Amino acid sequence: MPRPKKCRKVCRLPNINEFKPRGIRSSEYITLTVDEYETIRLIDKEGFSQEECGAYMRIARTTVQQIYTSARGKLAAMLVDGAALKIEGGDYELCDGKEHQCGCGGCHKHRKSDIR
């Protein structure tokens, strides 16, 4: 019997959760989970190492690596095949803003300004 999945801490939900290439009429989407989105955001946009990402999301570095690999595969399929993408679901828990320092600078409670 596999171990139950731990909820992954996520700073915030994406502002836009659906991407679709112009001219695509298919209703089929590749689904990127919210925790996959968060690993891409933290590692590729914010510059976190996998170890730092794991500490922030409260999961092991090896779990981050698995999530990140899955997310990159989905993004590659979306770009190469011209597929639509939805960001939804997954095992996650939103940052509650009660921590003194969240470490990512992006959650609504810790952000100094909404300018990106």
PDB file of N, CA and C in Angstrom:
ATOM      1  N   MET A   1       0.840  -1.175   0.000  1.00  0.00           N
ATOM      2  CA  MET A   1       0.000   0.000   0.000  1.00  0.00           C
ATOM      3  C   MET A   1       0.893   1.250   0.000  1.00  0.00           C
ATOM      4  N   PRO A   2       0.709   2.155  -0.977  1.00  0.00           N
ATOM      5  CA  PRO A   2       1.556   3.349  -1.025  1.00  0.00           C
ATOM      6  C   PRO A   2       1.240   4.315   0.102  1.00  0.00           C
ATOM      7  N   ARG A   3       2.256   5.110   0.437  1.00  0.00           N
ATOM      8  CA  ARG A   3       2.061   6.131   1.471  1.00  0.00           C
ATOM      9  C   ARG A   3       1.126   7.208   0.948  1.00  0.00           C
ATOM     10  N   PRO A   4       0.341   7.826   1.824  1.00  0.00           N
ATOM     11  CA  PRO A   4      -0.516   8.919   1.377  1.00  0.00           C
ATOM     12  C   PRO A   4       0.324  10.119   0.957  1.00  0.00           C
ATOM     13  N   LYS A   5      -0.167  10.860  -0.039  1.00  0.00           N
ATOM     14  CA  LYS A   5       0.542  12.043  -0.511  1.00  0.00           C
ATOM     15  C   LYS A   5       0.425  13.167   0.510  1.00  0.00           C
ATOM     16  N   LYS A   6       1.531  13.896   0.695  1.00  0.00           N
ATOM     17  CA  LYS A   6       1.519  15.069   1.561  1.00  0.00           C
ATOM     18  C   LYS A   6       1.020  16.252   0.747  1.00  0.00           C
ATOM     19  N   CYS A   7       0.270  17.120   1.378  1.00  0.00           N
ATOM     20  CA  CYS A   7      -0.137  18.359   0.706  1.00  0.00           C
ATOM     21  C   CYS A   7       1.098  19.219   0.517  1.00  0.00           C
ATOM     22  N   ARG A   8       1.203  19.798  -0.657  1.00  0.00           N
ATOM     23  CA  ARG A   8       2.336  20.658  -0.963  1.00  0.00           C
ATOM     24  C   ARG A   8       1.927  22.101  -0.749  1.00  0.00           C
ATOM     25  N   LYS A   9       2.769  22.879  -0.072  1.00  0.00           N
ATOM     26  CA  LYS A   9       2.466  24.280   0.175  1.00  0.00           C
ATOM     27  C   LYS A   9       2.659  25.061  -1.118  1.00  0.00           C
ATOM     28  N   VAL A  10       1.645  25.828  -1.482  1.00  0.00           N
ATOM     29  CA  VAL A  10       1.662  26.643  -2.693  1.00  0.00           C
ATOM     30  C   VAL A  10       1.428  28.090  -2.296  1.00  0.00           C
ATOM     31  N   CYS A  11       2.204  28.972  -2.873  1.00  0.00           N
ATOM     32  CA  CYS A  11       2.144  30.388  -2.523  1.00  0.00           C
ATOM     33  C   CYS A  11       0.819  31.018  -2.959  1.00  0.00           C
ATOM     34  N   ARG A  12       0.458  30.833  -4.200  1.00  0.00           N
ATOM     35  CA  ARG A  12      -0.783  31.414  -4.715  1.00  0.00           C
ATOM     36  C   ARG A  12      -1.196  30.657  -5.962  1.00  0.00           C
ATOM     37  N   LEU A  13      -2.445  30.766  -6.289  1.00  0.00           N
ATOM     38  CA  LEU A  13      -2.947  30.160  -7.524  1.00  0.00           C
ATOM     39  C   LEU A  13      -2.549  31.056  -8.697  1.00  0.00           C
ATOM     40  N   PRO A  14      -2.417  30.473  -9.888  1.00  0.00           N
ATOM     41  CA  PRO A  14      -2.049  31.302 -11.039  1.00  0.00           C
ATOM     42  C   PRO A  14      -3.156  32.298 -11.384  1.00  0.00           C
ATOM     43  N   ASN A  15      -2.756  33.455 -11.896  1.00  0.00           N
ATOM     44  CA  ASN A  15      -3.737  34.453 -12.328  1.00  0.00           C
ATOM     45  C   ASN A  15      -4.531  33.956 -13.536  1.00  0.00           C
ATOM     46  N   ILE A  16      -3.865  33.231 -14.403  1.00  0.00           N
ATOM     47  CA  ILE A  16      -4.494  32.658 -15.598  1.00  0.00           C
ATOM     48  C   ILE A  16      -4.290  31.161 -15.512  1.00  0.00           C
ATOM     49  N   ASN A  17      -5.365  30.400 -15.613  1.00  0.00           N
ATOM     50  CA  ASN A  17      -5.229  28.949 -15.448  1.00  0.00           C
ATOM     51  C   ASN A  17      -5.505  28.162 -16.727  1.00  0.00           C
ATOM     52  N   GLU A  18      -5.607  28.860 -17.845  1.00  0.00           N
ATOM     53  CA  GLU A  18      -5.890  28.174 -19.103  1.00  0.00           C
ATOM     54  C   GLU A  18      -5.143  28.871 -20.237  1.00  0.00           C
ATOM     55  N   PHE A  19      -4.459  28.078 -21.055  1.00  0.00           N
ATOM     56  CA  PHE A  19      -3.743  28.592 -22.212  1.00  0.00           C
ATOM     57  C   PHE A  19      -4.139  27.753 -23.414  1.00  0.00           C
ATOM     58  N   LYS A  20      -4.425  28.428 -24.514  1.00  0.00           N
ATOM     59  CA  LYS A  20      -4.848  27.709 -25.701  1.00  0.00           C
ATOM     60  C   LYS A  20      -4.292  28.423 -26.929  1.00  0.00           C
ATOM     61  N   PRO A  21      -3.564  27.702 -27.776  1.00  0.00           N
ATOM     62  CA  PRO A  21      -3.042  28.337 -28.977  1.00  0.00           C
ATOM     63  C   PRO A  21      -4.180  28.833 -29.880  1.00  0.00           C
ATOM     64  N   ARG A  22      -3.974  29.958 -30.502  1.00  0.00           N
ATOM     65  CA  ARG A  22      -4.976  30.506 -31.415  1.00  0.00           C
ATOM     66  C   ARG A  22      -5.235  29.495 -32.529  1.00  0.00           C
ATOM     67  N   GLY A  23      -6.484  29.310 -32.852  1.00  0.00           N
ATOM     68  CA  GLY A  23      -6.856  28.406 -33.939  1.00  0.00           C
ATOM     69  C   GLY A  23      -7.097  26.967 -33.521  1.00  0.00           C
ATOM     70  N   ILE A  24      -6.798  26.608 -32.302  1.00  0.00           N
ATOM     71  CA  ILE A  24      -7.046  25.246 -31.816  1.00  0.00           C
ATOM     72  C   ILE A  24      -8.497  25.150 -31.386  1.00  0.00           C
ATOM     73  N   ARG A  25      -9.200  24.181 -31.940  1.00  0.00           N
ATOM     74  CA  ARG A  25     -10.620  24.023 -31.612  1.00  0.00           C
ATOM     75  C   ARG A  25     -10.880  22.832 -30.699  1.00  0.00           C
ATOM     76  N   SER A  26      -9.872  22.041 -30.470  1.00  0.00           N
ATOM     77  CA  SER A  26     -10.035  20.849 -29.645  1.00  0.00           C
ATOM     78  C   SER A  26     -10.399  21.222 -28.209  1.00  0.00           C
ATOM     79  N   SER A  27     -11.244  20.408 -27.611  1.00  0.00           N
ATOM     80  CA  SER A  27     -11.604  20.637 -26.206  1.00  0.00           C
ATOM     81  C   SER A  27     -10.718  19.809 -25.272  1.00  0.00           C
ATOM     82  N   GLU A  28      -9.710  19.134 -25.830  1.00  0.00           N
ATOM     83  CA  GLU A  28      -8.791  18.344 -25.014  1.00  0.00           C
ATOM     84  C   GLU A  28      -7.669  19.231 -24.499  1.00  0.00           C
ATOM     85  N   TYR A  29      -7.361  19.069 -23.224  1.00  0.00           N
ATOM     86  CA  TYR A  29      -6.326  19.865 -22.576  1.00  0.00           C
ATOM     87  C   TYR A  29      -5.286  18.961 -21.947  1.00  0.00           C
ATOM     88  N   ILE A  30      -4.083  19.467 -21.863  1.00  0.00           N
ATOM     89  CA  ILE A  30      -3.067  18.877 -21.002  1.00  0.00           C
ATOM     90  C   ILE A  30      -3.276  19.551 -19.652  1.00  0.00           C
ATOM     91  N   THR A  31      -3.331  18.774 -18.588  1.00  0.00           N
ATOM     92  CA  THR A  31      -3.574  19.343 -17.264  1.00  0.00           C
ATOM     93  C   THR A  31      -2.295  19.382 -16.457  1.00  0.00           C
ATOM     94  N   LEU A  32      -1.909  20.590 -16.077  1.00  0.00           N
ATOM     95  CA  LEU A  32      -0.782  20.822 -15.192  1.00  0.00           C
ATOM     96  C   LEU A  32      -1.377  21.052 -13.808  1.00  0.00           C
ATOM     97  N   THR A  33      -0.966  20.261 -12.826  1.00  0.00           N
ATOM     98  CA  THR A  33      -1.531  20.440 -11.487  1.00  0.00           C
ATOM     99  C   THR A  33      -0.952  21.706 -10.851  1.00  0.00           C
ATOM    100  N   VAL A  34      -1.632  22.198  -9.844  1.00  0.00           N
ATOM    101  CA  VAL A  34      -1.193  23.427  -9.172  1.00  0.00           C
ATOM    102  C   VAL A  34       0.184  23.231  -8.539  1.00  0.00           C
ATOM    103  N   ASP A  35       0.459  22.054  -7.987  1.00  0.00           N
ATOM    104  CA  ASP A  35       1.784  21.820  -7.401  1.00  0.00           C
ATOM    105  C   ASP A  35       2.859  21.738  -8.485  1.00  0.00           C
ATOM    106  N   GLU A  36       2.522  21.234  -9.673  1.00  0.00           N
ATOM    107  CA  GLU A  36       3.479  21.252 -10.789  1.00  0.00           C
ATOM    108  C   GLU A  36       3.747  22.695 -11.219  1.00  0.00           C
ATOM    109  N   TYR A  37       2.691  23.489 -11.300  1.00  0.00           N
ATOM    110  CA  TYR A  37       2.832  24.910 -11.630  1.00  0.00           C
ATOM    111  C   TYR A  37       3.754  25.598 -10.619  1.00  0.00           C
ATOM    112  N   GLU A  38       3.570  25.295  -9.342  1.00  0.00           N
ATOM    113  CA  GLU A  38       4.368  25.942  -8.295  1.00  0.00           C
ATOM    114  C   GLU A  38       5.838  25.573  -8.407  1.00  0.00           C
ATOM    115  N   THR A  39       6.160  24.323  -8.744  1.00  0.00           N
ATOM    116  CA  THR A  39       7.574  23.958  -8.895  1.00  0.00           C
ATOM    117  C   THR A  39       8.198  24.693 -10.076  1.00  0.00           C
ATOM    118  N   ILE A  40       7.469  24.824 -11.171  1.00  0.00           N
ATOM    119  CA  ILE A  40       7.971  25.579 -12.327  1.00  0.00           C
ATOM    120  C   ILE A  40       8.189  27.040 -11.930  1.00  0.00           C
ATOM    121  N   ARG A  41       7.232  27.612 -11.222  1.00  0.00           N
ATOM    122  CA  ARG A  41       7.339  29.014 -10.808  1.00  0.00           C
ATOM    123  C   ARG A  41       8.537  29.228  -9.889  1.00  0.00           C
ATOM    124  N   LEU A  42       8.663  28.369  -8.888  1.00  0.00           N
ATOM    125  CA  LEU A  42       9.740  28.543  -7.913  1.00  0.00           C
ATOM    126  C   LEU A  42      11.118  28.293  -8.517  1.00  0.00           C
ATOM    127  N   ILE A  43      11.270  27.223  -9.282  1.00  0.00           N
ATOM    128  CA  ILE A  43      12.577  26.862  -9.816  1.00  0.00           C
ATOM    129  C   ILE A  43      12.953  27.731 -11.012  1.00  0.00           C
ATOM    130  N   ASP A  44      12.071  27.828 -12.000  1.00  0.00           N
ATOM    131  CA  ASP A  44      12.428  28.530 -13.234  1.00  0.00           C
ATOM    132  C   ASP A  44      12.245  30.043 -13.156  1.00  0.00           C
ATOM    133  N   LYS A  45      11.245  30.521 -12.457  1.00  0.00           N
ATOM    134  CA  LYS A  45      11.016  31.970 -12.410  1.00  0.00           C
ATOM    135  C   LYS A  45      11.715  32.623 -11.215  1.00  0.00           C
ATOM    136  N   GLU A  46      11.595  32.010 -10.044  1.00  0.00           N
ATOM    137  CA  GLU A  46      12.163  32.607  -8.833  1.00  0.00           C
ATOM    138  C   GLU A  46      13.610  32.196  -8.570  1.00  0.00           C
ATOM    139  N   GLY A  47      14.112  31.183  -9.291  1.00  0.00           N
ATOM    140  CA  GLY A  47      15.507  30.782  -9.142  1.00  0.00           C
ATOM    141  C   GLY A  47      15.816  29.903  -7.947  1.00  0.00           C
ATOM    142  N   PHE A  48      14.813  29.267  -7.372  1.00  0.00           N
ATOM    143  CA  PHE A  48      15.043  28.357  -6.252  1.00  0.00           C
ATOM    144  C   PHE A  48      15.779  27.116  -6.751  1.00  0.00           C
ATOM    145  N   SER A  49      16.603  26.526  -5.894  1.00  0.00           N
ATOM    146  CA  SER A  49      17.149  25.202  -6.183  1.00  0.00           C
ATOM    147  C   SER A  49      16.050  24.191  -5.856  1.00  0.00           C
ATOM    148  N   GLN A  50      16.240  22.949  -6.293  1.00  0.00           N
ATOM    149  CA  GLN A  50      15.245  21.926  -5.953  1.00  0.00           C
ATOM    150  C   GLN A  50      15.168  21.733  -4.445  1.00  0.00           C
ATOM    151  N   GLU A  51      16.287  21.849  -3.769  1.00  0.00           N
ATOM    152  CA  GLU A  51      16.310  21.701  -2.312  1.00  0.00           C
ATOM    153  C   GLU A  51      15.525  22.836  -1.646  1.00  0.00           C
ATOM    154  N   GLU A  52      15.737  24.073  -2.097  1.00  0.00           N
ATOM    155  CA  GLU A  52      15.009  25.218  -1.554  1.00  0.00           C
ATOM    156  C   GLU A  52      13.512  25.104  -1.855  1.00  0.00           C
ATOM    157  N   CYS A  53      13.196  24.643  -3.056  1.00  0.00           N
ATOM    158  CA  CYS A  53      11.798  24.454  -3.447  1.00  0.00           C
ATOM    159  C   CYS A  53      11.135  23.423  -2.538  1.00  0.00           C
ATOM    160  N   GLY A  54      11.824  22.331  -2.276  1.00  0.00           N
ATOM    161  CA  GLY A  54      11.292  21.289  -1.398  1.00  0.00           C
ATOM    162  C   GLY A  54      11.052  21.799   0.011  1.00  0.00           C
ATOM    163  N   ALA A  55      11.996  22.587   0.529  1.00  0.00           N
ATOM    164  CA  ALA A  55      11.830  23.146   1.870  1.00  0.00           C
ATOM    165  C   ALA A  55      10.633  24.079   1.908  1.00  0.00           C
ATOM    166  N   TYR A  56      10.480  24.907   0.883  1.00  0.00           N
ATOM    167  CA  TYR A  56       9.353  25.838   0.839  1.00  0.00           C
ATOM    168  C   TYR A  56       8.020  25.095   0.734  1.00  0.00           C
ATOM    169  N   MET A  57       7.963  24.080  -0.140  1.00  0.00           N
ATOM    170  CA  MET A  57       6.709  23.354  -0.358  1.00  0.00           C
ATOM    171  C   MET A  57       6.455  22.276   0.692  1.00  0.00           C
ATOM    172  N   ARG A  58       7.440  22.095   1.597  1.00  0.00           N
ATOM    173  CA  ARG A  58       7.344  21.097   2.673  1.00  0.00           C
ATOM    174  C   ARG A  58       7.304  19.663   2.161  1.00  0.00           C
ATOM    175  N   ILE A  59       8.138  19.398   1.153  1.00  0.00           N
ATOM    176  CA  ILE A  59       8.263  18.053   0.590  1.00  0.00           C
ATOM    177  C   ILE A  59       9.740  17.762   0.352  1.00  0.00           C
ATOM    178  N   ALA A  60      10.064  16.499   0.114  1.00  0.00           N
ATOM    179  CA  ALA A  60      11.456  16.102  -0.113  1.00  0.00           C
ATOM    180  C   ALA A  60      11.943  16.595  -1.477  1.00  0.00           C
ATOM    181  N   ARG A  61      13.246  16.802  -1.582  1.00  0.00           N
ATOM    182  CA  ARG A  61      13.844  17.223  -2.851  1.00  0.00           C
ATOM    183  C   ARG A  61      13.561  16.224  -3.957  1.00  0.00           C
ATOM    184  N   THR A  62      13.571  14.933  -3.623  1.00  0.00           N
ATOM    185  CA  THR A  62      13.297  13.914  -4.643  1.00  0.00           C
ATOM    186  C   THR A  62      11.856  14.029  -5.157  1.00  0.00           C
ATOM    187  N   THR A  63      10.940  14.410  -4.293  1.00  0.00           N
ATOM    188  CA  THR A  63       9.553  14.623  -4.714  1.00  0.00           C
ATOM    189  C   THR A  63       9.471  15.840  -5.624  1.00  0.00           C
ATOM    190  N   VAL A  64      10.203  16.885  -5.279  1.00  0.00           N
ATOM    191  CA  VAL A  64      10.252  18.080  -6.136  1.00  0.00           C
ATOM    192  C   VAL A  64      10.752  17.688  -7.521  1.00  0.00           C
ATOM    193  N   GLN A  65      11.797  16.879  -7.559  1.00  0.00           N
ATOM    194  CA  GLN A  65      12.370  16.458  -8.836  1.00  0.00           C
ATOM    195  C   GLN A  65      11.338  15.704  -9.676  1.00  0.00           C
ATOM    196  N   GLN A  66      10.566  14.829  -9.059  1.00  0.00           N
ATOM    197  CA  GLN A  66       9.532  14.086  -9.784  1.00  0.00           C
ATOM    198  C   GLN A  66       8.440  15.012 -10.303  1.00  0.00           C
ATOM    199  N   ILE A  67       7.991  15.935  -9.464  1.00  0.00           N
ATOM    200  CA  ILE A  67       6.945  16.883  -9.858  1.00  0.00           C
ATOM    201  C   ILE A  67       7.452  17.774 -10.988  1.00  0.00           C
ATOM    202  N   TYR A  68       8.678  18.271 -10.842  1.00  0.00           N
ATOM    203  CA  TYR A  68       9.281  19.175 -11.829  1.00  0.00           C
ATOM    204  C   TYR A  68       9.457  18.482 -13.178  1.00  0.00           C
ATOM    205  N   THR A  69       9.920  17.243 -13.167  1.00  0.00           N
ATOM    206  CA  THR A  69      10.101  16.475 -14.403  1.00  0.00           C
ATOM    207  C   THR A  69       8.765  16.270 -15.109  1.00  0.00           C
ATOM    208  N   SER A  70       7.740  15.945 -14.348  1.00  0.00           N
ATOM    209  CA  SER A  70       6.404  15.767 -14.907  1.00  0.00           C
ATOM    210  C   SER A  70       5.894  17.069 -15.520  1.00  0.00           C
ATOM    211  N   ALA A  71       6.065  18.173 -14.805  1.00  0.00           N
ATOM    212  CA  ALA A  71       5.601  19.484 -15.286  1.00  0.00           C
ATOM    213  C   ALA A  71       6.310  19.885 -16.567  1.00  0.00           C
ATOM    214  N   ARG A  72       7.619  19.701 -16.625  1.00  0.00           N
ATOM    215  CA  ARG A  72       8.368  20.077 -17.828  1.00  0.00           C
ATOM    216  C   ARG A  72       7.958  19.232 -19.021  1.00  0.00           C
ATOM    217  N   GLY A  73       7.663  17.956 -18.794  1.00  0.00           N
ATOM    218  CA  GLY A  73       7.187  17.102 -19.885  1.00  0.00           C
ATOM    219  C   GLY A  73       5.864  17.589 -20.449  1.00  0.00           C
ATOM    220  N   LYS A  74       4.976  18.001 -19.559  1.00  0.00           N
ATOM    221  CA  LYS A  74       3.676  18.511 -19.990  1.00  0.00           C
ATOM    222  C   LYS A  74       3.817  19.831 -20.744  1.00  0.00           C
ATOM    223  N   LEU A  75       4.694  20.718 -20.252  1.00  0.00           N
ATOM    224  CA  LEU A  75       4.913  21.994 -20.937  1.00  0.00           C
ATOM    225  C   LEU A  75       5.537  21.779 -22.311  1.00  0.00           C
ATOM    226  N   ALA A  76       6.457  20.837 -22.406  1.00  0.00           N
ATOM    227  CA  ALA A  76       7.072  20.525 -23.697  1.00  0.00           C
ATOM    228  C   ALA A  76       6.026  19.984 -24.676  1.00  0.00           C
ATOM    229  N   ALA A  77       5.174  19.088 -24.206  1.00  0.00           N
ATOM    230  CA  ALA A  77       4.120  18.547 -25.071  1.00  0.00           C
ATOM    231  C   ALA A  77       3.179  19.653 -25.541  1.00  0.00           C
ATOM    232  N   MET A  78       2.855  20.564 -24.646  1.00  0.00           N
ATOM    233  CA  MET A  78       1.987  21.683 -24.997  1.00  0.00           C
ATOM    234  C   MET A  78       2.613  22.533 -26.100  1.00  0.00           C
ATOM    235  N   LEU A  79       3.876  22.890 -25.937  1.00  0.00           N
ATOM    236  CA  LEU A  79       4.545  23.751 -26.903  1.00  0.00           C
ATOM    237  C   LEU A  79       4.805  23.045 -28.235  1.00  0.00           C
ATOM    238  N   VAL A  80       5.325  21.841 -28.176  1.00  0.00           N
ATOM    239  CA  VAL A  80       5.691  21.113 -29.393  1.00  0.00           C
ATOM    240  C   VAL A  80       4.463  20.679 -30.187  1.00  0.00           C
ATOM    241  N   ASP A  81       3.445  20.189 -29.484  1.00  0.00           N
ATOM    242  CA  ASP A  81       2.251  19.682 -30.160  1.00  0.00           C
ATOM    243  C   ASP A  81       1.179  20.742 -30.359  1.00  0.00           C
ATOM    244  N   GLY A  82       1.374  21.927 -29.826  1.00  0.00           N
ATOM    245  CA  GLY A  82       0.381  22.994 -29.951  1.00  0.00           C
ATOM    246  C   GLY A  82      -0.903  22.681 -29.213  1.00  0.00           C
ATOM    247  N   ALA A  83      -0.781  22.053 -28.051  1.00  0.00           N
ATOM    248  CA  ALA A  83      -1.952  21.648 -27.275  1.00  0.00           C
ATOM    249  C   ALA A  83      -2.375  22.746 -26.295  1.00  0.00           C
ATOM    250  N   ALA A  84      -3.608  22.657 -25.868  1.00  0.00           N
ATOM    251  CA  ALA A  84      -4.130  23.570 -24.849  1.00  0.00           C
ATOM    252  C   ALA A  84      -3.691  23.082 -23.464  1.00  0.00           C
ATOM    253  N   LEU A  85      -3.613  23.999 -22.510  1.00  0.00           N
ATOM    254  CA  LEU A  85      -3.149  23.676 -21.162  1.00  0.00           C
ATOM    255  C   LEU A  85      -4.111  24.245 -20.137  1.00  0.00           C
ATOM    256  N   LYS A  86      -4.419  23.442 -19.113  1.00  0.00           N
ATOM    257  CA  LYS A  86      -5.191  23.901 -17.958  1.00  0.00           C
ATOM    258  C   LYS A  86      -4.359  23.662 -16.715  1.00  0.00           C
ATOM    259  N   ILE A  87      -4.450  24.589 -15.773  1.00  0.00           N
ATOM    260  CA  ILE A  87      -3.771  24.421 -14.482  1.00  0.00           C
ATOM    261  C   ILE A  87      -4.854  24.242 -13.437  1.00  0.00           C
ATOM    262  N   GLU A  88      -4.928  23.036 -12.871  1.00  0.00           N
ATOM    263  CA  GLU A  88      -5.950  22.734 -11.870  1.00  0.00           C
ATOM    264  C   GLU A  88      -5.615  21.442 -11.143  1.00  0.00           C
ATOM    265  N   GLY A  89      -6.173  21.302  -9.963  1.00  0.00           N
ATOM    266  CA  GLY A  89      -6.061  20.061  -9.203  1.00  0.00           C
ATOM    267  C   GLY A  89      -4.707  19.863  -8.547  1.00  0.00           C
ATOM    268  N   GLY A  90      -4.509  18.681  -8.017  1.00  0.00           N
ATOM    269  CA  GLY A  90      -3.264  18.346  -7.331  1.00  0.00           C
ATOM    270  C   GLY A  90      -3.456  18.335  -5.823  1.00  0.00           C
ATOM    271  N   ASP A  91      -2.418  17.910  -5.135  1.00  0.00           N
ATOM    272  CA  ASP A  91      -2.438  17.864  -3.669  1.00  0.00           C
ATOM    273  C   ASP A  91      -1.678  19.066  -3.146  1.00  0.00           C
ATOM    274  N   TYR A  92      -2.388  20.120  -2.818  1.00  0.00           N
ATOM    275  CA  TYR A  92      -1.727  21.334  -2.372  1.00  0.00           C
ATOM    276  C   TYR A  92      -2.539  22.035  -1.297  1.00  0.00           C
ATOM    277  N   GLU A  93      -1.837  22.934  -0.607  1.00  0.00           N
ATOM    278  CA  GLU A  93      -2.437  23.763   0.434  1.00  0.00           C
ATOM    279  C   GLU A  93      -1.890  25.173   0.219  1.00  0.00           C
ATOM    280  N   LEU A  94      -2.780  26.154   0.124  1.00  0.00           N
ATOM    281  CA  LEU A  94      -2.348  27.530  -0.102  1.00  0.00           C
ATOM    282  C   LEU A  94      -1.667  28.103   1.134  1.00  0.00           C
ATOM    283  N   CYS A  95      -0.660  28.934   0.904  1.00  0.00           N
ATOM    284  CA  CYS A  95       0.030  29.632   1.982  1.00  0.00           C
ATOM    285  C   CYS A  95      -0.997  30.456   2.754  1.00  0.00           C
ATOM    286  N   ASP A  96      -0.995  30.327   4.060  1.00  0.00           N
ATOM    287  CA  ASP A  96      -1.982  31.045   4.865  1.00  0.00           C
ATOM    288  C   ASP A  96      -1.491  32.416   5.314  1.00  0.00           C
ATOM    289  N   GLY A  97      -0.233  32.727   5.030  1.00  0.00           N
ATOM    290  CA  GLY A  97       0.301  34.033   5.376  1.00  0.00           C
ATOM    291  C   GLY A  97       0.640  34.197   6.844  1.00  0.00           C
ATOM    292  N   LYS A  98       0.557  33.142   7.633  1.00  0.00           N
ATOM    293  CA  LYS A  98       0.834  33.241   9.070  1.00  0.00           C
ATOM    294  C   LYS A  98       2.316  33.074   9.394  1.00  0.00           C
ATOM    295  N   GLU A  99       3.083  32.606   8.419  1.00  0.00           N
ATOM    296  CA  GLU A  99       4.516  32.458   8.647  1.00  0.00           C
ATOM    297  C   GLU A  99       5.161  33.835   8.636  1.00  0.00           C
ATOM    298  N   HIS A 100       6.211  33.991   9.433  1.00  0.00           N
ATOM    299  CA  HIS A 100       6.912  35.271   9.482  1.00  0.00           C
ATOM    300  C   HIS A 100       7.531  35.596   8.125  1.00  0.00           C
ATOM    301  N   GLN A 101       8.151  34.613   7.514  1.00  0.00           N
ATOM    302  CA  GLN A 101       8.796  34.779   6.212  1.00  0.00           C
ATOM    303  C   GLN A 101       8.454  33.565   5.377  1.00  0.00           C
ATOM    304  N   CYS A 102       7.799  33.773   4.236  1.00  0.00           N
ATOM    305  CA  CYS A 102       7.415  32.614   3.428  1.00  0.00           C
ATOM    306  C   CYS A 102       8.543  32.150   2.533  1.00  0.00           C
ATOM    307  N   GLY A 103       9.487  33.003   2.215  1.00  0.00           N
ATOM    308  CA  GLY A 103      10.637  32.580   1.436  1.00  0.00           C
ATOM    309  C   GLY A 103      10.514  32.769  -0.055  1.00  0.00           C
ATOM    310  N   CYS A 104       9.320  32.976  -0.564  1.00  0.00           N
ATOM    311  CA  CYS A 104       9.198  33.120  -2.012  1.00  0.00           C
ATOM    312  C   CYS A 104       8.901  34.549  -2.428  1.00  0.00           C
ATOM    313  N   GLY A 105       8.418  35.354  -1.514  1.00  0.00           N
ATOM    314  CA  GLY A 105       8.132  36.744  -1.827  1.00  0.00           C
ATOM    315  C   GLY A 105       6.915  36.959  -2.692  1.00  0.00           C
ATOM    316  N   GLY A 106       6.161  35.916  -2.960  1.00  0.00           N
ATOM    317  CA  GLY A 106       5.064  36.065  -3.896  1.00  0.00           C
ATOM    318  C   GLY A 106       3.671  35.904  -3.345  1.00  0.00           C
ATOM    319  N   CYS A 107       3.519  35.368  -2.143  1.00  0.00           N
ATOM    320  CA  CYS A 107       2.160  35.179  -1.659  1.00  0.00           C
ATOM    321  C   CYS A 107       1.553  36.530  -1.291  1.00  0.00           C
ATOM    322  N   HIS A 108       0.252  36.619  -1.371  1.00  0.00           N
ATOM    323  CA  HIS A 108      -0.434  37.899  -1.172  1.00  0.00           C
ATOM    324  C   HIS A 108      -0.200  38.491   0.214  1.00  0.00           C
ATOM    325  N   LYS A 109       0.093  37.677   1.198  1.00  0.00           N
ATOM    326  CA  LYS A 109       0.315  38.176   2.555  1.00  0.00           C
ATOM    327  C   LYS A 109       1.732  38.722   2.748  1.00  0.00           C
ATOM    328  N   HIS A 110       2.689  38.240   1.967  1.00  0.00           N
ATOM    329  CA  HIS A 110       4.080  38.633   2.171  1.00  0.00           C
ATOM    330  C   HIS A 110       4.615  39.568   1.094  1.00  0.00           C
ATOM    331  N   ARG A 111       3.880  39.765   0.042  1.00  0.00           N
ATOM    332  CA  ARG A 111       4.320  40.619  -1.047  1.00  0.00           C
ATOM    333  C   ARG A 111       4.295  42.075  -0.615  1.00  0.00           C
ATOM    334  N   LYS A 112       5.311  42.806  -0.924  1.00  0.00           N
ATOM    335  CA  LYS A 112       5.358  44.219  -0.568  1.00  0.00           C
ATOM    336  C   LYS A 112       4.515  45.059  -1.536  1.00  0.00           C
ATOM    337  N   SER A 113       4.386  44.581  -2.774  1.00  0.00           N
ATOM    338  CA  SER A 113       3.558  45.275  -3.762  1.00  0.00           C
ATOM    339  C   SER A 113       3.040  44.264  -4.769  1.00  0.00           C
ATOM    340  N   ASP A 114       1.976  44.595  -5.420  1.00  0.00           N
ATOM    341  CA  ASP A 114       1.402  43.694  -6.421  1.00  0.00           C
ATOM    342  C   ASP A 114       2.024  43.877  -7.795  1.00  0.00           C
ATOM    343  N   ILE A 115       3.006  44.709  -7.926  1.00  0.00           N
ATOM    344  CA  ILE A 115       3.671  44.915  -9.212  1.00  0.00           C
ATOM    345  C   ILE A 115       4.583  43.737  -9.477  1.00  0.00           C
ATOM    346  N   ARG A 116       4.494  43.205 -10.671  1.00  0.00           N
ATOM    347  CA  ARG A 116       5.336  42.055 -11.036  1.00  0.00           C
ATOM    348  C   ARG A 116       6.337  42.420 -12.059  1.00  0.00           C
TER     349      ARG A 116
END
